[in-house]
Each structure stands twice: as C-alpha cells, then as structure tokens.
C-alpha cells in the first residue's frame, strides 16, 4: 500500500475554505474549482477541500467528528500559534491548556472542523 497523499474535508463553500486554509497554513492553493480545491500541507501530503453536496457517495459524518492536529516544537510555539490564529479570526474552541499528551488548543475552520495545535509532553 502506498503512503497517504490526501486529507479530504467536506466543506460548504470551497472558495471560503480555500482562502481560510491558505492564510492559516501560509500555502498557495495550486488547484481550485467551484467544487474542489487542494493545497500542500507537508511533504507528499495535500489537503483537499471538497464541496459537501458533490461528494459521492454522500458523506455521513459532520464537522467536529475528527481533528487535524499540528505538532509544534514547544509551549511557546503553541502560544504563538494561538495568538496568530486568533488574530486571523479563527474561532477558538479550546484555549491553550495542558492535557495528558501535551500543551494544546483547538481552533475551528469555517465549517466547524477541529484544528488542534499541540506540543507533545516531554518524558
């Protein structure tokens, strides 16, 4: 089996979501249409944004049922990301807090998909 190449999110407005993720990830959107957009999120990994009404077979789950997690280097990086996301108008579902796995916060994209930034616990 080959490596995972795409993470797909089902969105209501592809252009709005593409603009959101382009700003948040500081990445261009190399491919976009009214029903689909994609942008690079890591080596060999793309984020696809697919208009929910066009998905076949019909999507059953909704936003908030899963997360995209961004591993950061340390607590200072988590705090900086939190301030940056807030400044961009990202809705914050969980402010920076310590959990069993590390220091974290959760933002929401325009459709309510959960975006977790965290610095893993050391030790």
PDB file of N, CA and C in Angstrom:
ATOM      1  N   UNK A   1       0.839  -1.182   0.000  1.00  0.00           N
ATOM      2  CA  UNK A   1       0.000   0.000   0.000  1.00  0.00           C
ATOM      3  C   UNK A   1       0.880   1.240   0.000  1.00  0.00           C
ATOM      4  N   UNK A   2       0.450   2.267  -0.690  1.00  0.00           N
ATOM      5  CA  UNK A   2       1.239   3.493  -0.776  1.00  0.00           C
ATOM      6  C   UNK A   2       0.938   4.416   0.410  1.00  0.00           C
ATOM      7  N   UNK A   3       1.716   5.489   0.514  1.00  0.00           N
ATOM      8  CA  UNK A   3       1.530   6.468   1.583  1.00  0.00           C
ATOM      9  C   UNK A   3       0.236   7.247   1.384  1.00  0.00           C
ATOM     10  N   UNK A   4      -0.256   7.822   2.470  1.00  0.00           N
ATOM     11  CA  UNK A   4      -1.426   8.696   2.398  1.00  0.00           C
ATOM     12  C   UNK A   4      -1.021   9.968   1.668  1.00  0.00           C
ATOM     13  N   UNK A   5      -1.783  10.355   0.651  1.00  0.00           N
ATOM     14  CA  UNK A   5      -1.461  11.529  -0.148  1.00  0.00           C
ATOM     15  C   UNK A   5      -2.386  12.711   0.071  1.00  0.00           C
ATOM     16  N   UNK A   6      -3.607  12.436   0.560  1.00  0.00           N
ATOM     17  CA  UNK A   6      -4.598  13.498   0.745  1.00  0.00           C
ATOM     18  C   UNK A   6      -5.327  13.322   2.067  1.00  0.00           C
ATOM     19  N   UNK A   7      -5.662  14.427   2.672  1.00  0.00           N
ATOM     20  CA  UNK A   7      -6.677  14.508   3.709  1.00  0.00           C
ATOM     21  C   UNK A   7      -7.800  15.308   3.069  1.00  0.00           C
ATOM     22  N   UNK A   8      -9.016  14.781   3.092  1.00  0.00           N
ATOM     23  CA  UNK A   8     -10.150  15.469   2.477  1.00  0.00           C
ATOM     24  C   UNK A   8     -11.104  15.963   3.552  1.00  0.00           C
ATOM     25  N   UNK A   9     -11.496  17.217   3.431  1.00  0.00           N
ATOM     26  CA  UNK A   9     -12.537  17.783   4.286  1.00  0.00           C
ATOM     27  C   UNK A   9     -13.713  18.158   3.403  1.00  0.00           C
ATOM     28  N   UNK A  10     -14.913  17.868   3.854  1.00  0.00           N
ATOM     29  CA  UNK A  10     -16.123  18.232   3.130  1.00  0.00           C
ATOM     30  C   UNK A  10     -16.585  19.584   3.651  1.00  0.00           C
ATOM     31  N   UNK A  11     -16.718  20.543   2.737  1.00  0.00           N
ATOM     32  CA  UNK A  11     -16.997  21.935   3.103  1.00  0.00           C
ATOM     33  C   UNK A  11     -18.207  22.450   2.336  1.00  0.00           C
ATOM     34  N   UNK A  12     -18.813  23.488   2.850  1.00  0.00           N
ATOM     35  CA  UNK A  12     -19.958  24.105   2.180  1.00  0.00           C
ATOM     36  C   UNK A  12     -19.526  25.062   1.076  1.00  0.00           C
ATOM     37  N   UNK A  13     -18.493  25.840   1.330  1.00  0.00           N
ATOM     38  CA  UNK A  13     -18.040  26.872   0.387  1.00  0.00           C
ATOM     39  C   UNK A  13     -16.544  26.670   0.125  1.00  0.00           C
ATOM     40  N   UNK A  14     -16.220  26.100  -1.020  1.00  0.00           N
ATOM     41  CA  UNK A  14     -14.827  25.756  -1.337  1.00  0.00           C
ATOM     42  C   UNK A  14     -13.940  26.997  -1.349  1.00  0.00           C
ATOM     43  N   UNK A  15     -14.383  28.075  -1.968  1.00  0.00           N
ATOM     44  CA  UNK A  15     -13.554  29.285  -2.058  1.00  0.00           C
ATOM     45  C   UNK A  15     -13.259  29.851  -0.673  1.00  0.00           C
ATOM     46  N   UNK A  16     -14.274  29.902   0.194  1.00  0.00           N
ATOM     47  CA  UNK A  16     -14.083  30.421   1.557  1.00  0.00           C
ATOM     48  C   UNK A  16     -13.107  29.546   2.329  1.00  0.00           C
ATOM     49  N   UNK A  17     -13.274  28.224   2.235  1.00  0.00           N
ATOM     50  CA  UNK A  17     -12.383  27.317   2.954  1.00  0.00           C
ATOM     51  C   UNK A  17     -10.963  27.356   2.394  1.00  0.00           C
ATOM     52  N   UNK A  18     -10.824  27.449   1.076  1.00  0.00           N
ATOM     53  CA  UNK A  18      -9.503  27.536   0.462  1.00  0.00           C
ATOM     54  C   UNK A  18      -8.782  28.801   0.931  1.00  0.00           C
ATOM     55  N   UNK A  19      -9.485  29.912   0.991  1.00  0.00           N
ATOM     56  CA  UNK A  19      -8.878  31.164   1.464  1.00  0.00           C
ATOM     57  C   UNK A  19      -8.474  31.036   2.937  1.00  0.00           C
ATOM     58  N   UNK A  20      -9.325  30.419   3.748  1.00  0.00           N
ATOM     59  CA  UNK A  20      -9.039  30.210   5.168  1.00  0.00           C
ATOM     60  C   UNK A  20      -7.759  29.397   5.344  1.00  0.00           C
ATOM     61  N   UNK A  21      -7.682  28.238   4.698  1.00  0.00           N
ATOM     62  CA  UNK A  21      -6.516  27.368   4.869  1.00  0.00           C
ATOM     63  C   UNK A  21      -5.264  27.954   4.223  1.00  0.00           C
ATOM     64  N   UNK A  22      -5.399  28.680   3.138  1.00  0.00           N
ATOM     65  CA  UNK A  22      -4.247  29.322   2.518  1.00  0.00           C
ATOM     66  C   UNK A  22      -3.618  30.325   3.482  1.00  0.00           C
ATOM     67  N   UNK A  23      -4.459  31.124   4.146  1.00  0.00           N
ATOM     68  CA  UNK A  23      -3.973  32.085   5.151  1.00  0.00           C
ATOM     69  C   UNK A  23      -3.375  31.361   6.350  1.00  0.00           C
ATOM     70  N   UNK A  24      -4.121  30.401   6.891  1.00  0.00           N
ATOM     71  CA  UNK A  24      -3.704  29.714   8.115  1.00  0.00           C
ATOM     72  C   UNK A  24      -2.387  28.964   7.932  1.00  0.00           C
ATOM     73  N   UNK A  25      -2.252  28.267   6.814  1.00  0.00           N
ATOM     74  CA  UNK A  25      -1.072  27.437   6.566  1.00  0.00           C
ATOM     75  C   UNK A  25       0.019  28.151   5.782  1.00  0.00           C
ATOM     76  N   UNK A  26      -0.275  29.377   5.365  1.00  0.00           N
ATOM     77  CA  UNK A  26       0.662  30.167   4.565  1.00  0.00           C
ATOM     78  C   UNK A  26       1.123  29.374   3.347  1.00  0.00           C
ATOM     79  N   UNK A  27       0.148  28.793   2.642  1.00  0.00           N
ATOM     80  CA  UNK A  27       0.396  27.990   1.452  1.00  0.00           C
ATOM     81  C   UNK A  27      -0.519  28.457   0.323  1.00  0.00           C
ATOM     82  N   UNK A  28      -0.036  28.406  -0.910  1.00  0.00           N
ATOM     83  CA  UNK A  28      -0.901  28.745  -2.041  1.00  0.00           C
ATOM     84  C   UNK A  28      -1.909  27.626  -2.299  1.00  0.00           C
ATOM     85  N   UNK A  29      -2.930  27.944  -3.046  1.00  0.00           N
ATOM     86  CA  UNK A  29      -3.930  26.962  -3.467  1.00  0.00           C
ATOM     87  C   UNK A  29      -3.662  26.689  -4.949  1.00  0.00           C
ATOM     88  N   UNK A  30      -2.892  25.631  -5.267  1.00  0.00           N
ATOM     89  CA  UNK A  30      -2.492  25.415  -6.662  1.00  0.00           C
ATOM     90  C   UNK A  30      -3.606  24.903  -7.565  1.00  0.00           C
ATOM     91  N   UNK A  31      -4.654  24.328  -6.980  1.00  0.00           N
ATOM     92  CA  UNK A  31      -5.745  23.811  -7.799  1.00  0.00           C
ATOM     93  C   UNK A  31      -7.064  24.135  -7.119  1.00  0.00           C
ATOM     94  N   UNK A  32      -7.987  24.745  -7.891  1.00  0.00           N
ATOM     95  CA  UNK A  32      -9.267  25.107  -7.313  1.00  0.00           C
ATOM     96  C   UNK A  32     -10.333  25.139  -8.395  1.00  0.00           C
ATOM     97  N   UNK A  33     -11.520  24.709  -8.032  1.00  0.00           N
ATOM     98  CA  UNK A  33     -12.699  24.803  -8.881  1.00  0.00           C
ATOM     99  C   UNK A  33     -13.869  25.098  -7.942  1.00  0.00           C
ATOM    100  N   UNK A  34     -15.064  25.304  -8.463  1.00  0.00           N
ATOM    101  CA  UNK A  34     -16.191  25.559  -7.550  1.00  0.00           C
ATOM    102  C   UNK A  34     -16.471  24.404  -6.583  1.00  0.00           C
ATOM    103  N   UNK A  35     -16.062  23.187  -6.949  1.00  0.00           N
ATOM    104  CA  UNK A  35     -16.380  22.026  -6.121  1.00  0.00           C
ATOM    105  C   UNK A  35     -15.205  21.412  -5.380  1.00  0.00           C
ATOM    106  N   UNK A  36     -13.954  21.827  -5.701  1.00  0.00           N
ATOM    107  CA  UNK A  36     -12.797  21.194  -5.089  1.00  0.00           C
ATOM    108  C   UNK A  36     -11.601  22.136  -5.126  1.00  0.00           C
ATOM    109  N   UNK A  37     -10.822  22.106  -4.054  1.00  0.00           N
ATOM    110  CA  UNK A  37      -9.545  22.829  -4.008  1.00  0.00           C
ATOM    111  C   UNK A  37      -8.573  21.968  -3.226  1.00  0.00           C
ATOM    112  N   UNK A  38      -7.291  22.181  -3.477  1.00  0.00           N
ATOM    113  CA  UNK A  38      -6.282  21.482  -2.688  1.00  0.00           C
ATOM    114  C   UNK A  38      -5.076  22.370  -2.482  1.00  0.00           C
ATOM    115  N   UNK A  39      -4.375  22.119  -1.376  1.00  0.00           N
ATOM    116  CA  UNK A  39      -3.148  22.846  -1.091  1.00  0.00           C
ATOM    117  C   UNK A  39      -2.196  21.943  -0.327  1.00  0.00           C
ATOM    118  N   UNK A  40      -0.899  22.190  -0.472  1.00  0.00           N
ATOM    119  CA  UNK A  40       0.090  21.344   0.202  1.00  0.00           C
ATOM    120  C   UNK A  40       0.110  21.616   1.701  1.00  0.00           C
ATOM    121  N   UNK A  41       0.236  20.537   2.479  1.00  0.00           N
ATOM    122  CA  UNK A  41       0.312  20.689   3.935  1.00  0.00           C
ATOM    123  C   UNK A  41       1.541  20.007   4.524  1.00  0.00           C
ATOM    124  N   UNK A  42       2.299  19.323   3.711  1.00  0.00           N
ATOM    125  CA  UNK A  42       3.508  18.653   4.173  1.00  0.00           C
ATOM    126  C   UNK A  42       4.136  17.910   3.014  1.00  0.00           C
ATOM    127  N   UNK A  43       5.313  17.353   3.224  1.00  0.00           N
ATOM    128  CA  UNK A  43       5.964  16.608   2.143  1.00  0.00           C
ATOM    129  C   UNK A  43       5.074  15.448   1.672  1.00  0.00           C
ATOM    130  N   UNK A  44       4.642  15.529   0.433  1.00  0.00           N
ATOM    131  CA  UNK A  44       3.827  14.474  -0.139  1.00  0.00           C
ATOM    132  C   UNK A  44       2.402  14.400   0.373  1.00  0.00           C
ATOM    133  N   UNK A  45       1.939  15.427   1.074  1.00  0.00           N
ATOM    134  CA  UNK A  45       0.587  15.414   1.645  1.00  0.00           C
ATOM    135  C   UNK A  45      -0.164  16.678   1.238  1.00  0.00           C
ATOM    136  N   UNK A  46      -1.374  16.475   0.718  1.00  0.00           N
ATOM    137  CA  UNK A  46      -2.226  17.581   0.285  1.00  0.00           C
ATOM    138  C   UNK A  46      -3.506  17.599   1.110  1.00  0.00           C
ATOM    139  N   UNK A  47      -4.043  18.790   1.316  1.00  0.00           N
ATOM    140  CA  UNK A  47      -5.350  18.959   1.942  1.00  0.00           C
ATOM    141  C   UNK A  47      -6.347  19.249   0.839  1.00  0.00           C
ATOM    142  N   UNK A  48      -7.329  18.387   0.685  1.00  0.00           N
ATOM    143  CA  UNK A  48      -8.379  18.585  -0.303  1.00  0.00           C
ATOM    144  C   UNK A  48      -9.629  19.111   0.359  1.00  0.00           C
ATOM    145  N   UNK A  49     -10.252  20.085  -0.267  1.00  0.00           N
ATOM    146  CA  UNK A  49     -11.490  20.689   0.223  1.00  0.00           C
ATOM    147  C   UNK A  49     -12.563  20.410  -0.823  1.00  0.00           C
ATOM    148  N   UNK A  50     -13.510  19.566  -0.491  1.00  0.00           N
ATOM    149  CA  UNK A  50     -14.495  19.080  -1.440  1.00  0.00           C
ATOM    150  C   UNK A  50     -15.871  19.580  -1.015  1.00  0.00           C
ATOM    151  N   UNK A  51     -16.582  20.199  -1.942  1.00  0.00           N
ATOM    152  CA  UNK A  51     -17.909  20.728  -1.618  1.00  0.00           C
ATOM    153  C   UNK A  51     -18.817  19.578  -1.201  1.00  0.00           C
ATOM    154  N   UNK A  52     -19.363  19.688   0.004  1.00  0.00           N
ATOM    155  CA  UNK A  52     -20.132  18.614   0.626  1.00  0.00           C
ATOM    156  C   UNK A  52     -21.233  18.075  -0.285  1.00  0.00           C
ATOM    157  N   UNK A  53     -21.939  18.922  -0.984  1.00  0.00           N
ATOM    158  CA  UNK A  53     -23.040  18.489  -1.833  1.00  0.00           C
ATOM    159  C   UNK A  53     -22.616  17.702  -3.054  1.00  0.00           C
ATOM    160  N   UNK A  54     -21.324  17.685  -3.374  1.00  0.00           N
ATOM    161  CA  UNK A  54     -20.814  16.987  -4.553  1.00  0.00           C
ATOM    162  C   UNK A  54     -20.151  15.653  -4.226  1.00  0.00           C
ATOM    163  N   UNK A  55     -20.009  15.323  -2.960  1.00  0.00           N
ATOM    164  CA  UNK A  55     -19.316  14.106  -2.546  1.00  0.00           C
ATOM    165  C   UNK A  55     -20.178  12.884  -2.882  1.00  0.00           C
ATOM    166  N   UNK A  56     -19.562  11.905  -3.521  1.00  0.00           N
ATOM    167  CA  UNK A  56     -20.233  10.626  -3.825  1.00  0.00           C
ATOM    168  C   UNK A  56     -19.340   9.492  -3.368  1.00  0.00           C
ATOM    169  N   UNK A  57     -19.855   8.526  -2.655  1.00  0.00           N
ATOM    170  CA  UNK A  57     -21.196   8.502  -2.103  1.00  0.00           C
ATOM    171  C   UNK A  57     -21.361   9.588  -1.043  1.00  0.00           C
ATOM    172  N   UNK A  58     -22.591   9.917  -0.762  1.00  0.00           N
ATOM    173  CA  UNK A  58     -22.925  11.001   0.165  1.00  0.00           C
ATOM    174  C   UNK A  58     -22.181  10.846   1.491  1.00  0.00           C
ATOM    175  N   UNK A  59     -21.619  11.942   1.970  1.00  0.00           N
ATOM    176  CA  UNK A  59     -20.884  11.938   3.238  1.00  0.00           C
ATOM    177  C   UNK A  59     -21.864  11.833   4.404  1.00  0.00           C
ATOM    178  N   UNK A  60     -21.520  11.011   5.366  1.00  0.00           N
ATOM    179  CA  UNK A  60     -22.401  10.783   6.508  1.00  0.00           C
ATOM    180  C   UNK A  60     -21.990  11.583   7.741  1.00  0.00           C
ATOM    181  N   UNK A  61     -20.700  11.764   7.962  1.00  0.00           N
ATOM    182  CA  UNK A  61     -20.224  12.440   9.159  1.00  0.00           C
ATOM    183  C   UNK A  61     -20.292  13.949   9.014  1.00  0.00           C
ATOM    184  N   UNK A  62     -20.131  14.620  10.116  1.00  0.00           N
ATOM    185  CA  UNK A  62     -20.157  16.073  10.107  1.00  0.00           C
ATOM    186  C   UNK A  62     -18.905  16.663  10.718  1.00  0.00           C
ATOM    187  N   UNK A  63     -18.729  17.968  10.562  1.00  0.00           N
ATOM    188  CA  UNK A  63     -17.577  18.640  11.157  1.00  0.00           C
ATOM    189  C   UNK A  63     -17.531  18.415  12.665  1.00  0.00           C
ATOM    190  N   UNK A  64     -16.331  18.315  13.187  1.00  0.00           N
ATOM    191  CA  UNK A  64     -16.133  18.129  14.616  1.00  0.00           C
ATOM    192  C   UNK A  64     -16.018  16.673  15.025  1.00  0.00           C
ATOM    193  N   UNK A  65     -16.247  15.750  14.095  1.00  0.00           N
ATOM    194  CA  UNK A  65     -16.163  14.329  14.414  1.00  0.00           C
ATOM    195  C   UNK A  65     -14.721  13.826  14.384  1.00  0.00           C
ATOM    196  N   UNK A  66     -13.807  14.629  13.876  1.00  0.00           N
ATOM    197  CA  UNK A  66     -12.392  14.270  13.796  1.00  0.00           C
ATOM    198  C   UNK A  66     -11.573  15.559  13.882  1.00  0.00           C
ATOM    199  N   UNK A  67     -10.272  15.419  13.951  1.00  0.00           N
ATOM    200  CA  UNK A  67      -9.388  16.584  14.046  1.00  0.00           C
ATOM    201  C   UNK A  67      -8.230  16.462  13.074  1.00  0.00           C
ATOM    202  N   UNK A  68      -7.725  17.610  12.676  1.00  0.00           N
ATOM    203  CA  UNK A  68      -6.405  17.686  12.055  1.00  0.00           C
ATOM    204  C   UNK A  68      -5.503  18.266  13.134  1.00  0.00           C
ATOM    205  N   UNK A  69      -4.401  17.579  13.431  1.00  0.00           N
ATOM    206  CA  UNK A  69      -3.514  18.019  14.505  1.00  0.00           C
ATOM    207  C   UNK A  69      -2.196  18.519  13.935  1.00  0.00           C
ATOM    208  N   UNK A  70      -1.725  19.617  14.485  1.00  0.00           N
ATOM    209  CA  UNK A  70      -0.473  20.244  14.079  1.00  0.00           C
ATOM    210  C   UNK A  70       0.510  20.135  15.242  1.00  0.00           C
ATOM    211  N   UNK A  71       1.549  19.334  15.093  1.00  0.00           N
ATOM    212  CA  UNK A  71       2.562  19.173  16.135  1.00  0.00           C
ATOM    213  C   UNK A  71       3.521  20.357  16.085  1.00  0.00           C
ATOM    214  N   UNK A  72       3.692  21.020  17.206  1.00  0.00           N
ATOM    215  CA  UNK A  72       4.597  22.163  17.314  1.00  0.00           C
ATOM    216  C   UNK A  72       5.734  21.817  18.264  1.00  0.00           C
ATOM    217  N   UNK A  73       6.769  22.642  18.257  1.00  0.00           N
ATOM    218  CA  UNK A  73       8.007  22.301  18.969  1.00  0.00           C
ATOM    219  C   UNK A  73       7.915  22.415  20.483  1.00  0.00           C
ATOM    220  N   UNK A  74       7.194  23.439  20.978  1.00  0.00           N
ATOM    221  CA  UNK A  74       7.168  23.670  22.424  1.00  0.00           C
ATOM    222  C   UNK A  74       5.973  24.553  22.790  1.00  0.00           C
ATOM    223  N   UNK A  75       5.818  24.804  24.085  1.00  0.00           N
ATOM    224  CA  UNK A  75       4.680  25.585  24.561  1.00  0.00           C
ATOM    225  C   UNK A  75       4.672  26.999  23.997  1.00  0.00           C
ATOM    226  N   UNK A  76       5.847  27.591  23.835  1.00  0.00           N
ATOM    227  CA  UNK A  76       5.913  28.941  23.264  1.00  0.00           C
ATOM    228  C   UNK A  76       5.359  28.951  21.840  1.00  0.00           C
ATOM    229  N   UNK A  77       5.640  27.910  21.071  1.00  0.00           N
ATOM    230  CA  UNK A  77       5.113  27.814  19.707  1.00  0.00           C
ATOM    231  C   UNK A  77       3.593  27.650  19.721  1.00  0.00           C
ATOM    232  N   UNK A  78       3.068  26.914  20.699  1.00  0.00           N
ATOM    233  CA  UNK A  78       1.616  26.772  20.837  1.00  0.00           C
ATOM    234  C   UNK A  78       0.996  28.130  21.152  1.00  0.00           C
ATOM    235  N   UNK A  79       1.566  28.855  22.084  1.00  0.00           N
ATOM    236  CA  UNK A  79       1.049  30.195  22.437  1.00  0.00           C
ATOM    237  C   UNK A  79       1.098  31.136  21.226  1.00  0.00           C
ATOM    238  N   UNK A  80       2.198  31.092  20.475  1.00  0.00           N
ATOM    239  CA  UNK A  80       2.336  31.955  19.295  1.00  0.00           C
ATOM    240  C   UNK A  80       1.301  31.590  18.239  1.00  0.00           C
ATOM    241  N   UNK A  81       1.093  30.295  18.011  1.00  0.00           N
ATOM    242  CA  UNK A  81       0.086  29.860  17.034  1.00  0.00           C
ATOM    243  C   UNK A  81      -1.308  30.286  17.479  1.00  0.00           C
ATOM    244  N   UNK A  82      -1.585  30.152  18.769  1.00  0.00           N
ATOM    245  CA  UNK A  82      -2.893  30.570  19.297  1.00  0.00           C
ATOM    246  C   UNK A  82      -3.128  32.049  19.036  1.00  0.00           C
ATOM    247  N   UNK A  83      -2.163  32.882  19.331  1.00  0.00           N
ATOM    248  CA  UNK A  83      -2.305  34.326  19.088  1.00  0.00           C
ATOM    249  C   UNK A  83      -2.455  34.620  17.602  1.00  0.00           C
ATOM    250  N   UNK A  84      -1.681  33.931  16.765  1.00  0.00           N
ATOM    251  CA  UNK A  84      -1.761  34.127  15.315  1.00  0.00           C
ATOM    252  C   UNK A  84      -3.138  33.741  14.797  1.00  0.00           C
ATOM    253  N   UNK A  85      -3.651  32.587  15.204  1.00  0.00           N
ATOM    254  CA  UNK A  85      -4.965  32.138  14.739  1.00  0.00           C
ATOM    255  C   UNK A  85      -6.058  33.093  15.218  1.00  0.00           C
ATOM    256  N   UNK A  86      -5.985  33.515  16.474  1.00  0.00           N
ATOM    257  CA  UNK A  86      -6.981  34.478  16.997  1.00  0.00           C
ATOM    258  C   UNK A  86      -6.946  35.762  16.182  1.00  0.00           C
ATOM    259  N   UNK A  87      -5.739  36.243  15.877  1.00  0.00           N
ATOM    260  CA  UNK A  87      -5.600  37.484  15.100  1.00  0.00           C
ATOM    261  C   UNK A  87      -6.205  37.327  13.708  1.00  0.00           C
ATOM    262  N   UNK A  88      -6.212  36.110  13.178  1.00  0.00           N
ATOM    263  CA  UNK A  88      -6.806  35.848  11.869  1.00  0.00           C
ATOM    264  C   UNK A  88      -8.317  35.634  11.951  1.00  0.00           C
ATOM    265  N   UNK A  89      -8.862  35.647  13.159  1.00  0.00           N
ATOM    266  CA  UNK A  89     -10.298  35.458  13.318  1.00  0.00           C
ATOM    267  C   UNK A  89     -10.748  34.021  13.424  1.00  0.00           C
ATOM    268  N   UNK A  90      -9.809  33.093  13.650  1.00  0.00           N
ATOM    269  CA  UNK A  90     -10.172  31.686  13.805  1.00  0.00           C
ATOM    270  C   UNK A  90     -10.950  31.527  15.108  1.00  0.00           C
ATOM    271  N   UNK A  91     -12.096  30.871  15.045  1.00  0.00           N
ATOM    272  CA  UNK A  91     -12.870  30.579  16.254  1.00  0.00           C
ATOM    273  C   UNK A  91     -12.079  29.594  17.112  1.00  0.00           C
ATOM    274  N   UNK A  92     -11.935  29.886  18.388  1.00  0.00           N
ATOM    275  CA  UNK A  92     -11.173  29.037  19.299  1.00  0.00           C
ATOM    276  C   UNK A  92     -12.151  28.245  20.164  1.00  0.00           C
ATOM    277  N   UNK A  93     -12.094  26.920  20.047  1.00  0.00           N
ATOM    278  CA  UNK A  93     -12.980  26.041  20.810  1.00  0.00           C
ATOM    279  C   UNK A  93     -12.377  25.669  22.164  1.00  0.00           C
ATOM    280  N   UNK A  94     -11.047  25.676  22.235  1.00  0.00           N
ATOM    281  CA  UNK A  94     -10.351  25.358  23.480  1.00  0.00           C
ATOM    282  C   UNK A  94      -9.117  26.246  23.544  1.00  0.00           C
ATOM    283  N   UNK A  95      -9.022  27.044  24.590  1.00  0.00           N
ATOM    284  CA  UNK A  95      -7.848  27.889  24.768  1.00  0.00           C
ATOM    285  C   UNK A  95      -6.662  27.013  25.187  1.00  0.00           C
ATOM    286  N   UNK A  96      -5.441  27.544  25.101  1.00  0.00           N
ATOM    287  CA  UNK A  96      -4.278  26.729  25.463  1.00  0.00           C
ATOM    288  C   UNK A  96      -4.419  26.128  26.867  1.00  0.00           C
ATOM    289  N   UNK A  97      -4.180  24.842  26.924  1.00  0.00           N
ATOM    290  CA  UNK A  97      -4.317  24.093  28.176  1.00  0.00           C
ATOM    291  C   UNK A  97      -3.400  22.878  28.159  1.00  0.00           C
ATOM    292  N   UNK A  98      -3.064  22.394  29.349  1.00  0.00           N
ATOM    293  CA  UNK A  98      -2.266  21.179  29.476  1.00  0.00           C
ATOM    294  C   UNK A  98      -3.203  19.969  29.526  1.00  0.00           C
ATOM    295  N   UNK A  99      -2.850  18.974  28.730  1.00  0.00           N
ATOM    296  CA  UNK A  99      -3.584  17.706  28.741  1.00  0.00           C
ATOM    297  C   UNK A  99      -2.564  16.582  28.883  1.00  0.00           C
ATOM    298  N   UNK A 100      -3.032  15.356  29.000  1.00  0.00           N
ATOM    299  CA  UNK A 100      -2.127  14.223  29.208  1.00  0.00           C
ATOM    300  C   UNK A 100      -1.034  14.138  28.151  1.00  0.00           C
ATOM    301  N   UNK A 101      -1.351  14.468  26.909  1.00  0.00           N
ATOM    302  CA  UNK A 101      -0.408  14.297  25.792  1.00  0.00           C
ATOM    303  C   UNK A 101       0.455  15.517  25.531  1.00  0.00           C
ATOM    304  N   UNK A 102       0.117  16.677  26.158  1.00  0.00           N
ATOM    305  CA  UNK A 102       0.911  17.875  25.944  1.00  0.00           C
ATOM    306  C   UNK A 102       0.121  19.149  26.128  1.00  0.00           C
ATOM    307  N   UNK A 103       0.689  20.245  25.632  1.00  0.00           N
ATOM    308  CA  UNK A 103       0.087  21.577  25.726  1.00  0.00           C
ATOM    309  C   UNK A 103      -0.622  21.847  24.407  1.00  0.00           C
ATOM    310  N   UNK A 104      -1.890  22.288  24.462  1.00  0.00           N
ATOM    311  CA  UNK A 104      -2.706  22.283  23.253  1.00  0.00           C
ATOM    312  C   UNK A 104      -3.781  23.363  23.256  1.00  0.00           C
ATOM    313  N   UNK A 105      -4.290  23.654  22.059  1.00  0.00           N
ATOM    314  CA  UNK A 105      -5.521  24.426  21.897  1.00  0.00           C
ATOM    315  C   UNK A 105      -6.205  23.933  20.629  1.00  0.00           C
ATOM    316  N   UNK A 106      -7.493  24.275  20.487  1.00  0.00           N
ATOM    317  CA  UNK A 106      -8.269  23.835  19.334  1.00  0.00           C
ATOM    318  C   UNK A 106      -8.958  25.037  18.699  1.00  0.00           C
ATOM    319  N   UNK A 107      -8.769  25.164  17.376  1.00  0.00           N
ATOM    320  CA  UNK A 107      -9.488  26.157  16.585  1.00  0.00           C
ATOM    321  C   UNK A 107     -10.483  25.448  15.670  1.00  0.00           C
ATOM    322  N   UNK A 108     -11.377  26.229  15.087  1.00  0.00           N
ATOM    323  CA  UNK A 108     -12.383  25.697  14.170  1.00  0.00           C
ATOM    324  C   UNK A 108     -12.281  26.392  12.830  1.00  0.00           C
ATOM    325  N   UNK A 109     -12.381  25.616  11.749  1.00  0.00           N
ATOM    326  CA  UNK A 109     -12.417  26.236  10.425  1.00  0.00           C
ATOM    327  C   UNK A 109     -13.833  26.753  10.149  1.00  0.00           C
ATOM    328  N   UNK A 110     -14.069  27.391   9.005  1.00  0.00           N
ATOM    329  CA  UNK A 110     -15.400  27.973   8.749  1.00  0.00           C
ATOM    330  C   UNK A 110     -16.550  26.959   8.774  1.00  0.00           C
ATOM    331  N   UNK A 111     -16.262  25.671   8.568  1.00  0.00           N
ATOM    332  CA  UNK A 111     -17.300  24.642   8.615  1.00  0.00           C
ATOM    333  C   UNK A 111     -17.396  23.961   9.973  1.00  0.00           C
ATOM    334  N   UNK A 112     -16.514  24.311  10.899  1.00  0.00           N
ATOM    335  CA  UNK A 112     -16.527  23.690  12.222  1.00  0.00           C
ATOM    336  C   UNK A 112     -15.603  22.500  12.371  1.00  0.00           C
ATOM    337  N   UNK A 113     -14.733  22.249  11.371  1.00  0.00           N
ATOM    338  CA  UNK A 113     -13.733  21.187  11.512  1.00  0.00           C
ATOM    339  C   UNK A 113     -12.732  21.595  12.582  1.00  0.00           C
ATOM    340  N   UNK A 114     -12.355  20.632  13.420  1.00  0.00           N
ATOM    341  CA  UNK A 114     -11.457  20.903  14.544  1.00  0.00           C
ATOM    342  C   UNK A 114      -9.998  20.875  14.092  1.00  0.00           C
ATOM    343  N   UNK A 115      -9.250  21.894  14.499  1.00  0.00           N
ATOM    344  CA  UNK A 115      -7.822  22.017  14.179  1.00  0.00           C
ATOM    345  C   UNK A 115      -7.075  22.132  15.505  1.00  0.00           C
ATOM    346  N   UNK A 116      -6.336  21.104  15.860  1.00  0.00           N
ATOM    347  CA  UNK A 116      -5.631  21.085  17.151  1.00  0.00           C
ATOM    348  C   UNK A 116      -4.155  21.389  16.922  1.00  0.00           C
ATOM    349  N   UNK A 117      -3.638  22.354  17.663  1.00  0.00           N
ATOM    350  CA  UNK A 117      -2.206  22.624  17.710  1.00  0.00           C
ATOM    351  C   UNK A 117      -1.719  22.129  19.060  1.00  0.00           C
ATOM    352  N   UNK A 118      -0.569  21.460  19.071  1.00  0.00           N
ATOM    353  CA  UNK A 118      -0.078  20.940  20.343  1.00  0.00           C
ATOM    354  C   UNK A 118       1.431  20.787  20.340  1.00  0.00           C
ATOM    355  N   UNK A 119       1.985  20.844  21.534  1.00  0.00           N
ATOM    356  CA  UNK A 119       3.392  20.500  21.778  1.00  0.00           C
ATOM    357  C   UNK A 119       3.363  19.261  22.662  1.00  0.00           C
ATOM    358  N   UNK A 120       3.909  18.154  22.170  1.00  0.00           N
ATOM    359  CA  UNK A 120       3.861  16.910  22.950  1.00  0.00           C
ATOM    360  C   UNK A 120       4.546  17.040  24.303  1.00  0.00           C
ATOM    361  N   UNK A 121       4.027  16.306  25.276  1.00  0.00           N
ATOM    362  CA  UNK A 121       4.678  16.239  26.598  1.00  0.00           C
ATOM    363  C   UNK A 121       6.053  15.636  26.437  1.00  0.00           C
ATOM    364  N   UNK A 122       6.981  16.116  27.198  1.00  0.00           N
ATOM    365  CA  UNK A 122       8.344  15.570  27.203  1.00  0.00           C
ATOM    366  C   UNK A 122       8.442  14.570  28.342  1.00  0.00           C
ATOM    367  N   UNK A 123       8.911  13.391  28.034  1.00  0.00           N
ATOM    368  CA  UNK A 123       9.166  12.439  29.106  1.00  0.00           C
ATOM    369  C   UNK A 123       8.232  11.342  29.216  1.00  0.00           C
TER     370      UNK A 123
END
